[in-house]
Amino acid sequence: MQSRRHFVKTLAAGALYVPALNLLSCSSEKKETLSSGLKISLAQWSLHRAFEKGELKAEDFAAIARQYNINAVEYVNGFYRDKATDEKFWNDMKQKADNEGVKSLLIMIDEEGDLGNPDAIARTSAIENHYKWLNAANLLGCHSVRVNAFGDGSSEEVQKAMIDSMQRLGEYAAPLNLNVLIENHGLFSSDGKWVAEVIKQSGKTNCGTLPDFGNWCLSAKWGTTQIACDEVYDRYQGVADLLPFAKGVSAKSYAFDTDGNETRIDYLRMLRQVKDAGFDGYVGIEFEGFDMAEPDGIRATQKLLERCWGQLV
């Protein structure tokens, strides 16, 4: 599978950005008892290397999540491209998830055309390319799909195109009981206020956001802040911008210090924002580190989420 963040892998060997350790993160000395309300899901991208190498099978994702005592999952369409319109496959996937007691929350859709393309014909093609994944999400029993807000043009041109795409996708999704969510994923989409305006102007109650703790690079597609970036939107402001429209939250993680704190992101500050906003959905683990085994990164993120949430009294 062509990685949705292929450029990250290309740069990983020599372009790592290593900031100072976050001194405001969760203290390991405070209580770790969970407050009620924290619901954790697992994003499939957390194990992308294992899936791409064939070490794990994408169709087993629900059972894999249960190995981490996680009972909700977020799929990535790139692992299922040849199954997109196979209804039997998706019905079987739903049965597998049901057998494991796992909820299928959403499908993350990548590389199906730019929904922010100012060209009307190309934009319509991109919109229609997304339909098959909405149908698959419906068969799985998901509540949402996640889309990207990419397009070539000025900020105003791409924003206008995105509003049109979200309105049309929202209309298609409504009878399927699905939401259509924008994630901050680089370029204009990593401008929290820009995305918020798209959602506001879409006028659709089933259009919303999936704020990601990472991905705030304004100068690169996919928006990772794991490597050097020329222009970065403040991650805490960005999450705050998107939370009023959030129907999911992505807890991105890259690396951890010896106390178990994420080295780039103040998880306690992030989760306080999430809780104060009244968000009551799932917080999805999305580990993306270079220097840690994927299972270890998932467990470290899960532990940090639980510890920080337990401090929010």
Protein backbone atom coordinates (compact mmCIF):
# COMPACT_ATOMS: atom_id res chain seq x y z
CA MET A 1 0.00 0.00 0.00
CA GLN A 2 1.22 3.50 -0.84
CA SER A 3 1.59 5.18 2.54
CA ARG A 4 -0.55 8.24 3.14
CA ARG A 5 2.52 9.78 4.73
CA HIS A 6 5.19 8.38 2.42
CA PHE A 7 7.23 11.58 2.66
CA VAL A 8 7.50 11.15 6.43
CA LYS A 9 9.23 7.82 5.95
CA THR A 10 11.55 9.35 3.37
CA LEU A 11 12.64 12.07 5.78
CA ALA A 12 12.67 9.97 8.93
CA ALA A 13 16.30 8.95 8.71
CA GLY A 14 17.71 12.45 8.87
CA ALA A 15 15.07 15.06 9.52
CA LEU A 16 13.77 14.32 12.97
CA TYR A 17 12.71 17.33 14.97
CA VAL A 18 13.56 16.88 18.65
CA PRO A 19 12.09 19.55 20.91
CA ALA A 20 12.73 20.07 24.58
CA LEU A 21 10.93 17.71 26.90
CA ASN A 22 7.50 18.85 27.95
CA LEU A 23 7.72 19.88 31.58
CA LEU A 24 3.98 20.44 31.95
CA SER A 25 2.88 16.88 31.23
CA CYS A 26 1.23 14.50 33.63
CA SER A 27 3.06 13.75 36.83
CA SER A 28 3.48 10.05 37.45
CA GLU A 29 3.10 10.73 41.16
CA LYS A 30 -0.55 11.78 40.89
CA LYS A 31 -3.46 9.39 40.94
CA GLU A 32 -4.03 7.23 37.89
CA THR A 33 -7.63 6.24 38.63
CA LEU A 34 -9.78 6.88 35.58
CA SER A 35 -12.50 9.47 35.82
CA SER A 36 -15.73 8.28 34.25
CA GLY A 37 -16.21 9.22 30.65
CA LEU A 38 -12.89 8.41 28.97
CA LYS A 39 -13.52 6.20 25.96
CA ILE A 40 -10.45 5.02 24.05
CA SER A 41 -10.36 3.75 20.49
CA LEU A 42 -7.49 2.54 18.30
CA ALA A 43 -6.68 4.10 14.94
CA GLN A 44 -5.46 1.54 12.42
CA TRP A 45 -2.61 3.79 11.36
CA SER A 46 -0.95 3.04 14.71
CA LEU A 47 0.02 -0.33 13.22
CA HIS A 48 0.58 0.74 9.63
CA ARG A 49 4.10 -0.68 9.42
CA ALA A 50 2.93 -4.11 10.54
CA PHE A 51 0.03 -4.07 8.06
CA GLU A 52 2.22 -2.85 5.20
CA LYS A 53 4.83 -5.55 5.87
CA GLY A 54 2.18 -8.26 6.04
CA GLU A 55 2.94 -9.02 9.69
CA LEU A 56 -0.71 -8.35 10.53
CA LYS A 57 -3.86 -8.70 8.44
CA ALA A 58 -6.11 -5.68 8.06
CA GLU A 59 -9.24 -7.85 8.21
CA ASP A 60 -8.22 -8.91 11.74
CA PHE A 61 -8.11 -5.37 13.09
CA ALA A 62 -11.00 -5.76 15.54
CA ALA A 63 -9.39 -8.80 17.15
CA ILE A 64 -6.04 -7.00 17.22
CA ALA A 65 -7.59 -4.06 19.09
CA ARG A 66 -8.96 -6.44 21.73
CA GLN A 67 -5.38 -7.54 22.46
CA TYR A 68 -4.89 -4.04 23.87
CA ASN A 69 -8.20 -4.18 25.78
CA ILE A 70 -9.61 -1.59 23.38
CA ASN A 71 -13.17 -2.08 22.17
CA ALA A 72 -13.51 0.56 19.44
CA VAL A 73 -11.60 1.01 16.17
CA GLU A 74 -10.97 3.51 13.39
CA TYR A 75 -10.16 2.05 9.97
CA VAL A 76 -7.91 3.44 7.22
CA ASN A 77 -9.24 2.97 3.69
CA GLY A 78 -5.79 2.40 2.22
CA PHE A 79 -5.64 -1.09 3.69
CA TYR A 80 -8.85 -2.09 1.90
CA ARG A 81 -8.71 -0.47 -1.53
CA ASP A 82 -9.51 -3.67 -3.42
CA LYS A 83 -12.50 -4.31 -1.12
CA ALA A 84 -14.09 -0.87 -1.28
CA THR A 85 -17.30 -1.99 -3.04
CA ASP A 86 -17.37 -5.59 -1.75
CA GLU A 87 -20.48 -5.63 0.44
CA LYS A 88 -19.90 -9.20 1.58
CA PHE A 89 -16.43 -8.24 2.83
CA TRP A 90 -17.81 -5.36 4.90
CA ASN A 91 -20.65 -7.44 6.27
CA ASP A 92 -18.10 -10.06 7.30
CA MET A 93 -15.94 -7.34 8.89
CA LYS A 94 -18.91 -6.14 10.89
CA GLN A 95 -19.60 -9.66 12.08
CA LYS A 96 -15.97 -10.08 13.13
CA ALA A 97 -16.11 -6.82 15.10
CA ASP A 98 -19.41 -7.83 16.70
CA ASN A 99 -17.95 -11.20 17.69
CA GLU A 100 -15.09 -9.39 19.43
CA GLY A 101 -17.38 -6.88 21.12
CA VAL A 102 -15.67 -4.08 19.20
CA LYS A 103 -17.37 -0.95 17.84
CA SER A 104 -16.46 0.28 14.37
CA LEU A 105 -16.34 4.07 14.68
CA LEU A 106 -15.15 5.49 11.39
CA ILE A 107 -13.18 5.06 8.19
CA MET A 108 -10.35 7.49 7.43
CA ILE A 109 -10.43 8.24 3.69
CA ASP A 110 -7.24 9.22 1.89
CA GLU A 111 -6.13 9.63 -1.73
CA GLU A 112 -9.54 9.73 -3.41
CA GLY A 113 -9.10 13.17 -4.97
CA ASP A 114 -9.02 16.68 -3.56
CA LEU A 115 -12.35 17.80 -2.13
CA GLY A 116 -10.99 21.35 -2.06
CA ASN A 117 -10.24 21.42 -5.78
CA PRO A 118 -11.58 24.71 -7.21
CA ASP A 119 -12.25 22.94 -10.53
CA ALA A 120 -15.89 21.82 -10.37
CA ILE A 121 -15.49 18.74 -12.57
CA ALA A 122 -12.45 17.43 -10.68
CA ARG A 123 -14.13 18.20 -7.36
CA THR A 124 -17.26 16.28 -8.33
CA SER A 125 -15.09 13.30 -9.28
CA ALA A 126 -13.41 13.44 -5.86
CA ILE A 127 -16.76 13.66 -4.08
CA GLU A 128 -18.09 10.65 -5.97
CA ASN A 129 -14.89 8.71 -5.23
CA HIS A 130 -15.72 9.05 -1.54
CA TYR A 131 -19.19 7.55 -1.85
CA LYS A 132 -18.01 3.94 -1.82
CA TRP A 133 -16.31 4.48 1.52
CA LEU A 134 -19.42 6.03 3.01
CA ASN A 135 -21.32 2.95 1.89
CA ALA A 136 -18.68 0.71 3.48
CA ALA A 137 -18.81 2.74 6.71
CA ASN A 138 -22.58 2.30 6.77
CA LEU A 139 -22.26 -1.49 6.41
CA LEU A 140 -19.74 -1.55 9.25
CA GLY A 141 -22.07 0.44 11.51
CA CYS A 142 -19.69 3.40 11.79
CA HIS A 143 -20.85 6.84 12.90
CA SER A 144 -18.49 8.80 10.61
CA VAL A 145 -15.98 8.99 7.83
CA ARG A 146 -12.93 11.25 7.96
CA VAL A 147 -11.97 13.27 4.87
CA ASN A 148 -9.10 15.59 3.95
CA ALA A 149 -9.40 19.27 3.06
CA PHE A 150 -6.81 19.46 0.29
CA GLY A 151 -6.85 21.48 -2.90
CA ASP A 152 -4.64 23.70 -5.06
CA GLY A 153 -5.55 27.36 -5.02
CA SER A 154 -5.81 30.32 -2.70
CA SER A 155 -7.12 29.93 0.82
CA GLU A 156 -10.44 31.43 -0.24
CA GLU A 157 -10.75 29.25 -3.36
CA VAL A 158 -10.01 26.01 -1.56
CA GLN A 159 -12.28 26.94 1.34
CA LYS A 160 -15.19 27.67 -1.01
CA ALA A 161 -14.63 24.33 -2.76
CA MET A 162 -14.49 22.50 0.57
CA ILE A 163 -17.77 24.02 1.70
CA ASP A 164 -19.40 22.73 -1.47
CA SER A 165 -17.90 19.26 -1.01
CA MET A 166 -18.92 19.03 2.63
CA GLN A 167 -22.48 20.07 1.79
CA ARG A 168 -22.74 17.43 -0.92
CA LEU A 169 -21.08 14.69 1.11
CA GLY A 170 -23.24 15.63 4.09
CA GLU A 171 -26.35 15.19 1.95
CA TYR A 172 -25.17 11.79 0.75
CA ALA A 173 -24.21 10.72 4.27
CA ALA A 174 -27.40 11.78 6.03
CA PRO A 175 -29.61 8.83 4.95
CA LEU A 176 -26.75 6.52 5.97
CA ASN A 177 -26.71 8.04 9.48
CA LEU A 178 -23.10 9.10 8.96
CA ASN A 179 -21.09 12.18 9.82
CA VAL A 180 -18.42 13.62 7.55
CA LEU A 181 -15.40 14.88 9.51
CA ILE A 182 -12.40 16.99 8.55
CA GLU A 183 -9.11 16.25 10.29
CA ASN A 184 -6.25 18.74 10.45
CA HIS A 185 -3.88 17.11 7.99
CA GLY A 186 -1.59 19.82 6.71
CA LEU A 187 -1.69 22.93 4.50
CA PHE A 188 -4.96 24.90 4.91
CA SER A 189 -6.51 22.06 6.92
CA SER A 190 -4.02 22.72 9.71
CA ASP A 191 -5.46 26.19 10.18
CA GLY A 192 -8.07 25.55 12.86
CA LYS A 193 -10.08 28.69 12.18
CA TRP A 194 -10.12 27.96 8.43
CA VAL A 195 -11.55 24.47 9.03
CA ALA A 196 -14.04 25.76 11.58
CA GLU A 197 -15.35 28.22 9.00
CA VAL A 198 -15.79 25.41 6.46
CA ILE A 199 -17.93 23.50 8.96
CA LYS A 200 -19.96 26.56 9.91
CA GLN A 201 -20.68 27.49 6.31
CA SER A 202 -21.52 23.93 5.29
CA GLY A 203 -24.69 24.28 7.35
CA LYS A 204 -24.89 20.52 7.85
CA THR A 205 -25.33 19.09 11.33
CA ASN A 206 -23.62 15.88 10.22
CA CYS A 207 -20.48 17.74 9.14
CA GLY A 208 -17.84 18.12 11.82
CA THR A 209 -14.20 17.71 12.79
CA LEU A 210 -11.71 15.15 14.04
CA PRO A 211 -9.09 17.27 15.84
CA ASP A 212 -5.67 15.61 15.92
CA PHE A 213 -3.11 16.50 18.60
CA GLY A 214 -0.41 16.47 15.89
CA ASN A 215 -0.60 17.41 12.18
CA TRP A 216 -0.35 21.18 12.57
CA CYS A 217 2.19 21.87 9.82
CA LEU A 218 0.78 24.54 7.50
CA SER A 219 3.55 24.18 4.92
CA ALA A 220 3.31 20.46 4.09
CA LYS A 221 0.64 17.99 3.06
CA TRP A 222 -0.33 15.53 5.84
CA GLY A 223 0.88 18.13 8.33
CA THR A 224 3.04 16.03 10.61
CA THR A 225 4.94 17.89 13.30
CA GLN A 226 7.18 14.92 13.98
CA ILE A 227 9.74 16.35 11.57
CA ALA A 228 10.88 19.91 10.92
CA CYS A 229 8.17 22.22 9.57
CA ASP A 230 8.55 25.74 8.21
CA GLU A 231 5.21 27.03 9.49
CA VAL A 232 3.29 25.50 12.40
CA TYR A 233 -0.16 26.39 13.72
CA ASP A 234 -0.31 26.33 17.51
CA ARG A 235 -1.57 22.84 18.34
CA TYR A 236 -3.48 23.87 21.46
CA GLN A 237 -5.22 26.72 19.67
CA GLY A 238 -5.98 24.40 16.77
CA VAL A 239 -7.61 21.76 18.93
CA ALA A 240 -9.60 24.50 20.66
CA ASP A 241 -10.75 25.80 17.26
CA LEU A 242 -12.00 22.36 16.19
CA LEU A 243 -13.47 21.00 19.42
CA PRO A 244 -16.85 22.77 19.10
CA PHE A 245 -17.49 20.66 15.98
CA ALA A 246 -15.69 17.47 17.08
CA LYS A 247 -17.29 14.06 16.72
CA GLY A 248 -14.01 12.30 17.45
CA VAL A 249 -10.53 13.17 18.77
CA SER A 250 -7.22 11.75 17.59
CA ALA A 251 -4.55 11.42 20.28
CA LYS A 252 -1.42 11.55 18.14
CA SER A 253 1.82 10.42 19.75
CA TYR A 254 5.41 10.25 18.53
CA ALA A 255 7.83 9.60 21.40
CA PHE A 256 7.93 9.33 25.19
CA ASP A 257 10.36 10.34 27.90
CA THR A 258 11.44 8.14 30.79
CA ASP A 259 8.40 9.24 32.83
CA GLY A 260 6.01 8.15 30.10
CA ASN A 261 5.14 11.67 28.90
CA GLU A 262 4.85 12.50 25.21
CA THR A 263 7.87 14.65 24.32
CA ARG A 264 6.13 17.05 21.94
CA ILE A 265 2.57 17.26 23.22
CA ASP A 266 1.30 18.24 26.66
CA TYR A 267 -1.35 15.55 27.05
CA LEU A 268 -2.73 16.94 30.30
CA ARG A 269 -3.33 20.32 28.67
CA MET A 270 -4.88 18.70 25.60
CA LEU A 271 -7.19 16.45 27.56
CA ARG A 272 -8.23 19.31 29.82
CA GLN A 273 -9.34 21.16 26.69
CA VAL A 274 -11.21 18.08 25.48
CA LYS A 275 -12.98 17.60 28.80
CA ASP A 276 -13.76 21.28 29.31
CA ALA A 277 -15.34 21.37 25.85
CA GLY A 278 -17.81 18.72 26.99
CA PHE A 279 -16.62 16.21 24.40
CA ASP A 280 -18.05 12.79 25.22
CA GLY A 281 -16.94 10.71 22.24
CA TYR A 282 -13.96 8.45 21.72
CA VAL A 283 -10.34 9.57 21.97
CA GLY A 284 -8.43 7.54 19.39
CA ILE A 285 -4.86 6.38 19.88
CA GLU A 286 -2.78 7.16 16.79
CA PHE A 287 0.87 6.33 17.44
CA GLU A 288 3.18 7.47 14.66
CA GLY A 289 6.67 7.32 16.13
CA PHE A 290 9.82 6.32 14.28
CA ASP A 291 11.93 5.03 17.17
CA MET A 292 9.56 2.75 19.07
CA ALA A 293 7.83 -0.52 18.24
CA GLU A 294 4.22 0.08 17.32
CA PRO A 295 2.72 -2.10 20.09
CA ASP A 296 4.88 -0.31 22.65
CA GLY A 297 3.79 3.06 21.31
CA ILE A 298 0.14 2.10 21.51
CA ARG A 299 0.48 0.92 25.10
CA ALA A 300 2.47 4.01 26.10
CA THR A 301 -0.19 6.29 24.61
CA GLN A 302 -2.99 4.35 26.28
CA LYS A 303 -1.28 4.53 29.65
CA LEU A 304 -0.64 8.26 29.28
CA LEU A 305 -4.26 8.94 28.30
CA GLU A 306 -5.55 7.04 31.29
CA ARG A 307 -3.11 8.66 33.70
CA CYS A 308 -3.79 12.19 32.49
CA TRP A 309 -7.56 11.73 32.39
CA GLY A 310 -7.42 10.46 35.95
CA GLN A 311 -5.91 13.78 37.03
CA LEU A 312 -8.73 15.84 35.56
CA VAL A 313 -11.00 16.24 38.57
